[in-house]
Amino acid sequence: MKKYYTQMEAAKMGIITPEMEVVAEKEYITPEELRELVAKGEVCIPCNVNHKSISPEGIGTKMRTKINVNLGISGDAKNYDIEMQKVDMAHKFGAEAIMDLSNYGKTNTFRKQLVEKSPAMIGTVPMYDAIGYLEKDLLEISAQDFLKVVKAHAEEGVDFMTIHAGINKRAVEAFMREGRKMNIVSRGGSLLFAWMMMTGNENPFYEYYDEVLDILHEYDVTISLGDALRPGCIDDSTDAGQISELIELGNLTLRAWEKNVQVMVEGPGHMAMNEIAANMKLQKRLCHNAPFYVLGPIVTDIFPGYDHITSAIGGAIAASSGADFLCYVTPAEHLRLPDINDVKEGIIASKIAAHAADIANGYPHARDKDNEMAAARHAVDWEEMFKIAVDGEKAREYFESTPPADRHTCSMCGKMCAVRTTNMILAGEKVEFCTEK
């Protein structure tokens, strides 16, 4: 008799899992309502059977907007201690997911430590790790070799994997025919494209998709269907390549659900603001309302060093228009591997976008903390403001850097503080600036 079911499999059988109970409580819905959403595929709960330290989270319909933090080493920056500090930063500020995008050397030691300690969901892109894991050049890697890496990551406890299965020969034909300013900017997509062109073979993740799903099903790994043909500049958005791949991803979503594998679908990278809402609706329609995971979108291409802001603008619009999961972008995007400060800035920017969208979408209790902050500001209670703030340390640092003469104001307005003035008048007090000491 089978001892374990995937979350989707259990949901279809009418079983409410312990993970569903946890998520339902977090999301202010009943376990039964959540079970129905998981059974339909509109919510996924990425939760590998081997990830024992996880605090389960739901992604999708009626769920709070979640954020992901990317980290990992490269050939030019391979200090695992620094990457683990980034992990701690992600936990501190409440990131729900961490993706290990390491692409140099033997990465499994770091990944195992990550799974062992992290309550956040852990994601990977097996394609990144293939060359280092297998110690083979790209042209020497076989289709079955790629599946070995997927299996290894699943065994290690990874909760979701980005698999670029949609860039098949049909999608490549659309991309080649259309042409682009930026061509392919997805690292995993570009490697698969190169492998396909050099070997003449079909994308192995597409050709052997059923085998991939069997591996993921065994460990209840959620497949995050990667958008290899996502636009890398605003001029390439919503083109034939992107939409052709999206159509393929819709079909792959149904095939995964048939095998009781949970699904997320990944979305565009660079896109003008006026296209975002339509893209969210198109994705939900073509991919049967599967949870949508977006990188950005970055809404303008000319602000390197500030792409945490260009991304947060796009992310807020995307999440308020149907996206469920935001991948953070740091100020280092397009420039270098992010350092600790970059990671913090990226997390905060993404949290702002997610929270703003939850307020706009009317998510239960989304405004509670904002209302608490309004009350603290009304009372000019600085300690309470610092306590409520997501980054209270930074708020306190700013306040104390130029301390006011009167702690009931700040150095911006001093005794002319609008809140102070109004409070005094409503309390029946007289406001006299020139005579006040």
Protein backbone atom coordinates (compact mmCIF):
# COMPACT_ATOMS: atom_id res chain seq x y z
CA MET A 1 0.00 0.00 0.00
CA LYS A 2 1.30 3.48 -0.89
CA LYS A 3 2.50 5.37 2.19
CA TYR A 4 2.57 8.87 0.70
CA TYR A 5 0.55 10.97 -1.69
CA THR A 6 1.51 14.25 -3.31
CA GLN A 7 -0.44 17.26 -2.06
CA MET A 8 -2.45 17.26 -5.29
CA GLU A 9 -3.04 13.54 -5.18
CA ALA A 10 -4.26 13.70 -1.59
CA ALA A 11 -6.50 16.67 -2.41
CA LYS A 12 -8.12 14.82 -5.30
CA MET A 13 -8.81 11.91 -2.95
CA GLY A 14 -10.50 14.20 -0.43
CA ILE A 15 -7.60 14.01 2.04
CA ILE A 16 -6.62 17.14 3.96
CA THR A 17 -2.89 16.86 4.68
CA PRO A 18 -1.07 18.36 7.69
CA GLU A 19 0.53 20.83 5.26
CA MET A 20 -2.91 21.96 4.07
CA GLU A 21 -3.96 22.51 7.68
CA VAL A 22 -0.96 24.77 8.26
CA VAL A 23 -1.48 26.75 5.06
CA ALA A 24 -5.22 27.14 5.61
CA GLU A 25 -4.60 28.69 9.02
CA LYS A 26 -2.01 31.09 7.56
CA GLU A 27 -4.30 32.12 4.70
CA TYR A 28 -7.60 32.61 6.58
CA ILE A 29 -9.51 29.97 4.64
CA THR A 30 -10.93 26.60 5.65
CA PRO A 31 -8.88 23.44 5.06
CA GLU A 32 -11.64 22.11 2.83
CA GLU A 33 -11.64 25.21 0.65
CA LEU A 34 -7.87 24.93 0.31
CA ARG A 35 -8.09 21.22 -0.51
CA GLU A 36 -10.44 22.01 -3.40
CA LEU A 37 -8.04 24.63 -4.77
CA VAL A 38 -5.08 22.24 -4.55
CA ALA A 39 -7.10 19.50 -6.27
CA LYS A 40 -7.86 21.87 -9.16
CA GLY A 41 -4.23 23.01 -9.40
CA GLU A 42 -5.09 26.63 -8.60
CA VAL A 43 -2.94 26.42 -5.46
CA CYS A 44 0.31 24.54 -5.00
CA ILE A 45 2.03 23.75 -1.71
CA PRO A 46 5.68 23.08 -2.64
CA CYS A 47 6.82 20.69 0.07
CA ASN A 48 9.32 17.92 -0.70
CA VAL A 49 8.87 14.85 1.50
CA ASN A 50 12.57 15.15 2.42
CA HIS A 51 12.42 18.82 3.49
CA LYS A 52 11.74 18.33 7.19
CA SER A 53 12.39 21.91 8.39
CA ILE A 54 9.88 23.56 6.04
CA SER A 55 7.02 25.79 7.13
CA PRO A 56 4.51 25.05 4.34
CA GLU A 57 3.20 27.89 2.19
CA GLY A 58 0.49 28.04 -0.44
CA ILE A 59 0.91 29.81 -3.77
CA GLY A 60 -2.04 30.71 -5.98
CA THR A 61 -5.73 31.61 -5.81
CA LYS A 62 -6.83 33.27 -2.52
CA MET A 63 -3.25 33.07 -1.21
CA ARG A 64 -1.16 36.00 -0.02
CA THR A 65 1.46 37.07 -2.59
CA LYS A 66 4.73 35.26 -1.90
CA ILE A 67 8.31 36.28 -2.72
CA ASN A 68 11.41 34.35 -3.68
CA VAL A 69 15.08 35.19 -3.04
CA ASN A 70 17.73 34.02 -5.50
CA LEU A 71 21.24 33.24 -4.30
CA GLY A 72 24.09 30.83 -4.98
CA ILE A 73 27.70 30.80 -6.05
CA SER A 74 29.29 31.30 -9.47
CA GLY A 75 32.79 30.78 -10.82
CA ASP A 76 33.64 34.40 -10.02
CA ALA A 77 32.07 34.47 -6.54
CA LYS A 78 32.18 31.20 -4.67
CA ASN A 79 32.01 32.00 -0.96
CA TYR A 80 29.38 29.74 0.59
CA ASP A 81 29.58 31.54 3.95
CA ILE A 82 28.38 34.75 2.30
CA GLU A 83 25.56 32.88 0.58
CA MET A 84 24.46 31.46 3.92
CA GLN A 85 24.39 35.01 5.34
CA LYS A 86 22.02 35.85 2.49
CA VAL A 87 19.88 32.90 3.54
CA ASP A 88 19.71 34.32 7.06
CA MET A 89 18.72 37.71 5.61
CA ALA A 90 15.93 36.06 3.60
CA HIS A 91 14.61 34.36 6.74
CA LYS A 92 14.82 37.58 8.78
CA PHE A 93 12.58 39.49 6.41
CA GLY A 94 10.12 36.68 5.81
CA ALA A 95 10.89 35.52 2.27
CA GLU A 96 8.76 32.44 1.64
CA ALA A 97 11.13 30.85 -0.88
CA ILE A 98 14.85 30.65 -1.63
CA MET A 99 16.25 29.49 -4.95
CA ASP A 100 19.77 28.10 -5.02
CA LEU A 101 21.05 29.07 -8.46
CA SER A 102 24.62 27.89 -7.89
CA ASN A 103 26.31 27.03 -11.15
CA TYR A 104 29.89 26.21 -10.19
CA GLY A 105 31.47 23.03 -8.84
CA LYS A 106 29.82 20.54 -6.53
CA THR A 107 26.88 22.41 -5.06
CA ASN A 108 25.09 19.62 -3.21
CA THR A 109 26.80 20.25 0.15
CA PHE A 110 25.46 23.80 0.31
CA ARG A 111 22.06 22.72 -0.94
CA LYS A 112 21.77 19.99 1.69
CA GLN A 113 22.62 22.52 4.43
CA LEU A 114 20.03 24.88 2.99
CA VAL A 115 17.31 22.23 3.05
CA GLU A 116 18.29 21.16 6.55
CA LYS A 117 18.03 24.64 8.10
CA SER A 118 15.51 26.57 6.02
CA PRO A 119 11.80 26.88 6.86
CA ALA A 120 11.39 28.58 3.45
CA MET A 121 10.62 26.63 0.29
CA ILE A 122 13.78 25.71 -1.62
CA GLY A 123 13.94 25.88 -5.40
CA THR A 124 16.62 25.07 -7.96
CA VAL A 125 17.22 25.06 -11.70
CA PRO A 126 18.79 21.64 -12.41
CA MET A 127 19.99 22.85 -15.81
CA TYR A 128 22.35 25.31 -14.07
CA ASP A 129 23.91 22.57 -12.01
CA ALA A 130 24.21 19.97 -14.76
CA ILE A 131 27.67 20.86 -16.04
CA GLY A 132 29.27 21.08 -12.60
CA TYR A 133 27.43 18.05 -11.23
CA LEU A 134 28.19 15.83 -14.20
CA GLU A 135 31.65 17.27 -14.93
CA LYS A 136 30.86 17.19 -18.65
CA ASP A 137 30.80 19.88 -21.29
CA LEU A 138 27.39 20.80 -22.67
CA LEU A 139 27.69 18.85 -25.89
CA GLU A 140 28.70 15.70 -23.99
CA ILE A 141 25.61 15.68 -21.77
CA SER A 142 22.89 13.22 -22.76
CA ALA A 143 19.18 13.52 -22.20
CA GLN A 144 19.36 10.90 -19.44
CA ASP A 145 22.19 12.84 -17.80
CA PHE A 146 19.87 15.81 -17.36
CA LEU A 147 17.33 13.56 -15.67
CA LYS A 148 20.01 12.35 -13.23
CA VAL A 149 20.46 15.91 -11.99
CA VAL A 150 16.70 16.32 -11.54
CA LYS A 151 16.66 13.09 -9.52
CA ALA A 152 19.59 14.22 -7.36
CA HIS A 153 17.96 17.56 -6.52
CA ALA A 154 14.68 15.83 -5.68
CA GLU A 155 16.42 13.39 -3.34
CA GLU A 156 18.16 16.29 -1.56
CA GLY A 157 14.80 17.79 -0.60
CA VAL A 158 14.26 20.59 -3.11
CA ASP A 159 10.61 21.74 -3.02
CA PHE A 160 10.29 23.16 -6.54
CA MET A 161 12.38 23.06 -9.69
CA THR A 162 12.45 25.32 -12.68
CA ILE A 163 12.28 23.03 -15.69
CA HIS A 164 12.46 24.71 -19.10
CA ALA A 165 10.30 22.13 -20.86
CA GLY A 166 8.39 24.58 -23.04
CA ILE A 167 11.25 25.57 -25.33
CA ASN A 168 10.66 22.73 -27.78
CA LYS A 169 11.34 22.78 -31.49
CA ARG A 170 8.02 24.50 -32.26
CA ALA A 171 8.75 27.33 -29.83
CA VAL A 172 12.29 27.67 -31.18
CA GLU A 173 10.92 27.99 -34.71
CA ALA A 174 8.66 30.85 -33.62
CA PHE A 175 11.58 32.56 -31.86
CA MET A 176 13.91 32.15 -34.87
CA ARG A 177 11.29 33.35 -37.34
CA GLU A 178 10.34 36.45 -35.34
CA GLY A 179 13.79 37.67 -34.28
CA ARG A 180 14.52 39.71 -31.18
CA LYS A 181 16.64 42.55 -29.90
CA MET A 182 17.84 40.53 -26.90
CA ASN A 183 17.37 36.96 -28.15
CA ILE A 184 17.33 34.49 -25.20
CA VAL A 185 18.19 35.91 -21.76
CA SER A 186 17.18 32.91 -19.67
CA ARG A 187 20.39 31.15 -18.59
CA GLY A 188 18.76 27.73 -18.51
CA GLY A 189 16.87 28.46 -21.72
CA SER A 190 20.01 29.53 -23.54
CA LEU A 191 21.86 26.38 -22.49
CA LEU A 192 19.01 24.18 -23.70
CA PHE A 193 18.75 26.17 -26.93
CA ALA A 194 22.49 25.70 -27.50
CA TRP A 195 22.26 21.97 -26.72
CA MET A 196 19.32 21.54 -29.10
CA MET A 197 21.02 23.44 -31.91
CA MET A 198 24.34 21.62 -31.49
CA THR A 199 22.84 18.13 -31.25
CA GLY A 200 19.79 18.56 -33.47
CA ASN A 201 17.71 16.88 -30.77
CA GLU A 202 14.45 17.89 -29.13
CA ASN A 203 14.58 19.53 -25.71
CA PRO A 204 15.20 16.57 -23.37
CA PHE A 205 12.90 17.99 -20.70
CA TYR A 206 10.11 18.09 -23.29
CA GLU A 207 10.91 14.78 -24.99
CA TYR A 208 11.18 12.94 -21.67
CA TYR A 209 8.66 15.04 -19.79
CA ASP A 210 6.78 12.03 -18.43
CA GLU A 211 10.00 10.70 -16.89
CA VAL A 212 10.67 14.10 -15.32
CA LEU A 213 7.16 14.08 -13.85
CA ASP A 214 7.66 10.59 -12.43
CA ILE A 215 10.73 11.81 -10.53
CA LEU A 216 8.96 14.89 -9.23
CA HIS A 217 5.91 12.87 -8.22
CA GLU A 218 8.00 10.48 -6.14
CA TYR A 219 9.21 13.29 -3.86
CA ASP A 220 6.26 15.69 -4.31
CA VAL A 221 8.42 18.32 -6.00
CA THR A 222 6.44 21.14 -7.62
CA ILE A 223 7.41 21.80 -11.23
CA SER A 224 7.96 25.46 -11.99
CA LEU A 225 7.61 25.57 -15.76
CA GLY A 226 10.38 27.93 -16.82
CA ASP A 227 9.93 30.62 -19.45
CA ALA A 228 13.08 30.16 -21.50
CA LEU A 229 11.79 32.70 -24.04
CA ARG A 230 10.87 35.41 -21.57
CA PRO A 231 11.54 38.91 -22.90
CA GLY A 232 14.91 40.37 -21.90
CA CYS A 233 14.02 43.92 -22.88
CA ILE A 234 10.72 45.76 -23.07
CA ASP A 235 10.79 45.72 -26.88
CA ASP A 236 10.68 41.90 -26.94
CA SER A 237 7.65 41.47 -24.68
CA THR A 238 4.50 39.67 -25.80
CA ASP A 239 6.16 38.51 -29.04
CA ALA A 240 5.67 35.25 -30.93
CA GLY A 241 8.41 33.44 -29.03
CA GLN A 242 7.04 34.28 -25.60
CA ILE A 243 3.45 33.43 -26.50
CA SER A 244 4.38 30.28 -28.42
CA GLU A 245 6.21 28.95 -25.38
CA LEU A 246 3.35 29.96 -23.10
CA ILE A 247 0.95 27.87 -25.19
CA GLU A 248 3.28 24.89 -24.74
CA LEU A 249 3.43 25.54 -20.99
CA GLY A 250 -0.37 25.38 -20.82
CA ASN A 251 -0.34 21.88 -22.29
CA LEU A 252 2.53 20.82 -20.01
CA THR A 253 0.54 22.05 -17.02
CA LEU A 254 -2.33 19.70 -17.82
CA ARG A 255 0.07 16.78 -18.35
CA ALA A 256 1.63 17.41 -14.93
CA TRP A 257 -1.73 17.60 -13.21
CA GLU A 258 -2.73 14.29 -14.80
CA LYS A 259 0.23 12.75 -12.96
CA ASN A 260 -0.65 14.58 -9.72
CA VAL A 261 2.41 16.83 -9.89
CA GLN A 262 1.88 20.36 -8.62
CA VAL A 263 2.63 23.20 -11.05
CA MET A 264 3.71 26.81 -11.14
CA VAL A 265 4.20 28.67 -14.42
CA GLU A 266 6.94 31.26 -14.77
CA GLY A 267 6.32 34.59 -16.44
CA PRO A 268 7.90 37.52 -18.25
CA GLY A 269 11.00 39.43 -17.23
CA HIS A 270 10.92 42.81 -19.02
CA MET A 271 7.64 44.45 -19.99
CA ALA A 272 6.16 47.93 -20.28
CA MET A 273 3.57 48.67 -17.61
CA ASN A 274 0.66 48.87 -20.03
CA GLU A 275 1.19 45.23 -21.13
CA ILE A 276 1.45 43.63 -17.69
CA ALA A 277 -2.22 43.18 -16.77
CA ALA A 278 -3.06 41.66 -20.15
CA ASN A 279 -0.15 39.24 -19.86
CA MET A 280 -1.31 38.09 -16.43
CA LYS A 281 -4.80 37.38 -17.79
CA LEU A 282 -3.37 35.63 -20.86
CA GLN A 283 -1.16 33.39 -18.76
CA LYS A 284 -4.00 32.44 -16.43
CA ARG A 285 -6.22 31.64 -19.41
CA LEU A 286 -3.66 29.60 -21.37
CA CYS A 287 -2.32 27.81 -18.29
CA HIS A 288 -5.69 26.97 -16.73
CA ASN A 289 -5.33 29.27 -13.71
CA ALA A 290 -2.16 27.60 -12.46
CA PRO A 291 -0.15 29.70 -10.00
CA PHE A 292 1.94 32.32 -11.82
CA TYR A 293 5.54 33.13 -10.82
CA VAL A 294 7.03 36.32 -12.29
CA LEU A 295 10.51 37.84 -12.42
CA GLY A 296 9.70 41.52 -12.09
CA PRO A 297 8.51 42.38 -14.62
CA ILE A 298 11.13 45.09 -15.10
CA VAL A 299 9.29 48.04 -16.62
CA THR A 300 12.16 50.03 -18.12
CA ASP A 301 15.64 49.02 -19.26
CA ILE A 302 17.74 52.12 -18.52
CA PHE A 303 18.16 52.04 -14.74
CA PRO A 304 20.92 49.50 -13.98
CA GLY A 305 21.70 49.76 -10.28
CA TYR A 306 18.04 50.47 -9.54
CA ASP A 307 16.33 47.41 -10.96
CA HIS A 308 14.96 46.49 -7.55
CA ILE A 309 12.75 49.54 -8.08
CA THR A 310 11.88 48.94 -11.75
CA SER A 311 11.04 45.37 -10.76
CA ALA A 312 8.93 46.35 -7.74
CA ILE A 313 6.82 48.62 -9.92
CA GLY A 314 6.15 45.77 -12.34
CA GLY A 315 5.71 43.24 -9.57
CA ALA A 316 3.05 45.31 -7.83
CA ILE A 317 1.09 45.65 -11.07
CA ALA A 318 1.54 41.96 -11.88
CA ALA A 319 0.45 40.73 -8.44
CA SER A 320 -2.56 43.04 -8.39
CA SER A 321 -3.51 41.65 -11.84
CA GLY A 322 -3.24 37.93 -11.08
CA ALA A 323 0.39 36.93 -10.45
CA ASP A 324 0.85 34.87 -7.29
CA PHE A 325 4.60 34.70 -6.66
CA LEU A 326 7.27 37.38 -7.16
CA CYS A 327 10.95 36.66 -7.72
CA TYR A 328 12.95 39.43 -6.16
CA VAL A 329 15.36 41.55 -8.18
CA THR A 330 18.29 43.33 -6.53
CA PRO A 331 20.14 46.55 -7.42
CA ALA A 332 22.90 44.30 -8.77
CA GLU A 333 20.67 42.80 -11.50
CA HIS A 334 22.45 42.84 -14.90
CA LEU A 335 25.69 43.94 -13.17
CA ARG A 336 27.13 41.40 -10.70
CA LEU A 337 26.37 38.75 -8.11
CA PRO A 338 24.46 40.60 -5.35
CA ASP A 339 26.10 41.20 -1.97
CA ILE A 340 24.34 41.17 1.39
CA ASN A 341 23.11 44.75 1.10
CA ASP A 342 21.83 44.11 -2.43
CA VAL A 343 19.90 41.10 -1.16
CA LYS A 344 18.28 43.15 1.60
CA GLU A 345 17.27 45.91 -0.83
CA GLY A 346 15.85 43.33 -3.23
CA ILE A 347 13.85 41.58 -0.52
CA ILE A 348 12.36 44.81 0.83
CA ALA A 349 11.44 46.07 -2.65
CA SER A 350 9.75 42.77 -3.47
CA LYS A 351 7.95 42.73 -0.11
CA ILE A 352 6.63 46.22 -0.83
CA ALA A 353 5.27 45.07 -4.19
CA ALA A 354 3.68 41.94 -2.73
CA HIS A 355 2.10 43.73 0.22
CA ALA A 356 0.80 46.59 -1.92
CA ALA A 357 -0.83 44.03 -4.22
CA ASP A 358 -2.39 42.16 -1.30
CA ILE A 359 -3.97 45.41 -0.12
CA ALA A 360 -5.24 46.17 -3.62
CA ASN A 361 -6.63 42.64 -3.96
CA GLY A 362 -8.51 42.85 -0.66
CA TYR A 363 -6.60 39.97 0.94
CA PRO A 364 -7.95 39.30 4.46
CA HIS A 365 -6.17 41.35 7.15
CA ALA A 366 -3.70 42.81 4.62
CA ARG A 367 -4.35 46.31 5.99
CA ASP A 368 -4.03 45.41 9.67
CA LYS A 369 -0.40 46.44 10.09
CA ASP A 370 -0.94 49.56 8.00
CA ASN A 371 -3.80 50.54 10.30
CA GLU A 372 -1.60 49.89 13.34
CA MET A 373 1.05 52.14 11.82
CA ALA A 374 -1.55 54.88 11.22
CA ALA A 375 -2.57 54.68 14.88
CA ALA A 376 1.06 54.88 16.04
CA ARG A 377 1.70 57.86 13.80
CA HIS A 378 -1.47 59.55 15.03
CA ALA A 379 -0.14 59.19 18.57
CA VAL A 380 3.39 60.18 17.42
CA ASP A 381 4.58 57.00 19.17
CA TRP A 382 8.01 56.41 17.65
CA GLU A 383 8.77 53.19 19.50
CA GLU A 384 5.53 51.65 18.29
CA MET A 385 6.26 52.82 14.72
CA PHE A 386 9.67 51.15 14.80
CA LYS A 387 8.08 47.97 16.16
CA ILE A 388 5.47 47.82 13.39
CA ALA A 389 7.81 48.72 10.52
CA VAL A 390 9.05 45.82 8.38
CA ASP A 391 12.58 47.23 8.72
CA GLY A 392 12.36 48.95 12.08
CA GLU A 393 16.13 49.09 12.42
CA LYS A 394 16.46 51.29 9.34
CA ALA A 395 13.51 53.47 10.41
CA ARG A 396 15.12 54.06 13.82
CA GLU A 397 18.50 54.76 12.24
CA TYR A 398 16.99 57.46 10.01
CA PHE A 399 15.08 59.03 12.90
CA GLU A 400 18.06 59.09 15.23
CA SER A 401 20.52 60.36 12.60
CA THR A 402 19.07 63.88 12.91
CA PRO A 403 17.27 63.86 16.25
CA PRO A 404 14.56 66.48 16.80
CA ALA A 405 14.55 68.83 19.75
CA ASP A 406 11.09 67.52 20.62
CA ARG A 407 10.67 63.70 20.50
CA HIS A 408 7.00 64.24 19.65
CA THR A 409 8.04 65.40 16.16
CA CYS A 410 10.77 64.60 13.65
CA SER A 411 13.47 66.86 12.21
CA MET A 412 11.53 67.31 8.96
CA CYS A 413 8.80 69.57 10.37
CA GLY A 414 9.80 70.07 13.99
CA LYS A 415 7.08 71.82 15.97
CA MET A 416 5.23 72.53 12.71
CA CYS A 417 4.40 68.82 12.44
CA ALA A 418 0.90 68.53 10.98
CA VAL A 419 -0.02 65.62 13.23
CA ARG A 420 1.16 67.42 16.36
CA THR A 421 -0.67 70.63 15.41
CA THR A 422 -3.95 68.87 14.69
CA ASN A 423 -3.74 66.75 17.84
CA MET A 424 -3.17 69.85 19.94
CA ILE A 425 -6.11 71.75 18.43
CA LEU A 426 -8.44 68.77 18.81
CA ALA A 427 -7.32 68.48 22.44
CA GLY A 428 -8.29 72.12 23.02
CA GLU A 429 -4.69 73.33 23.27
CA LYS A 430 -3.28 76.53 21.81
CA VAL A 431 -0.58 76.35 19.13
CA GLU A 432 2.03 79.12 19.47
CA PHE A 433 5.32 78.57 17.64
CA CYS A 434 7.07 81.80 18.54
CA THR A 435 6.46 81.57 22.28
CA GLU A 436 6.98 77.81 22.66
CA LYS A 437 10.27 76.80 24.19
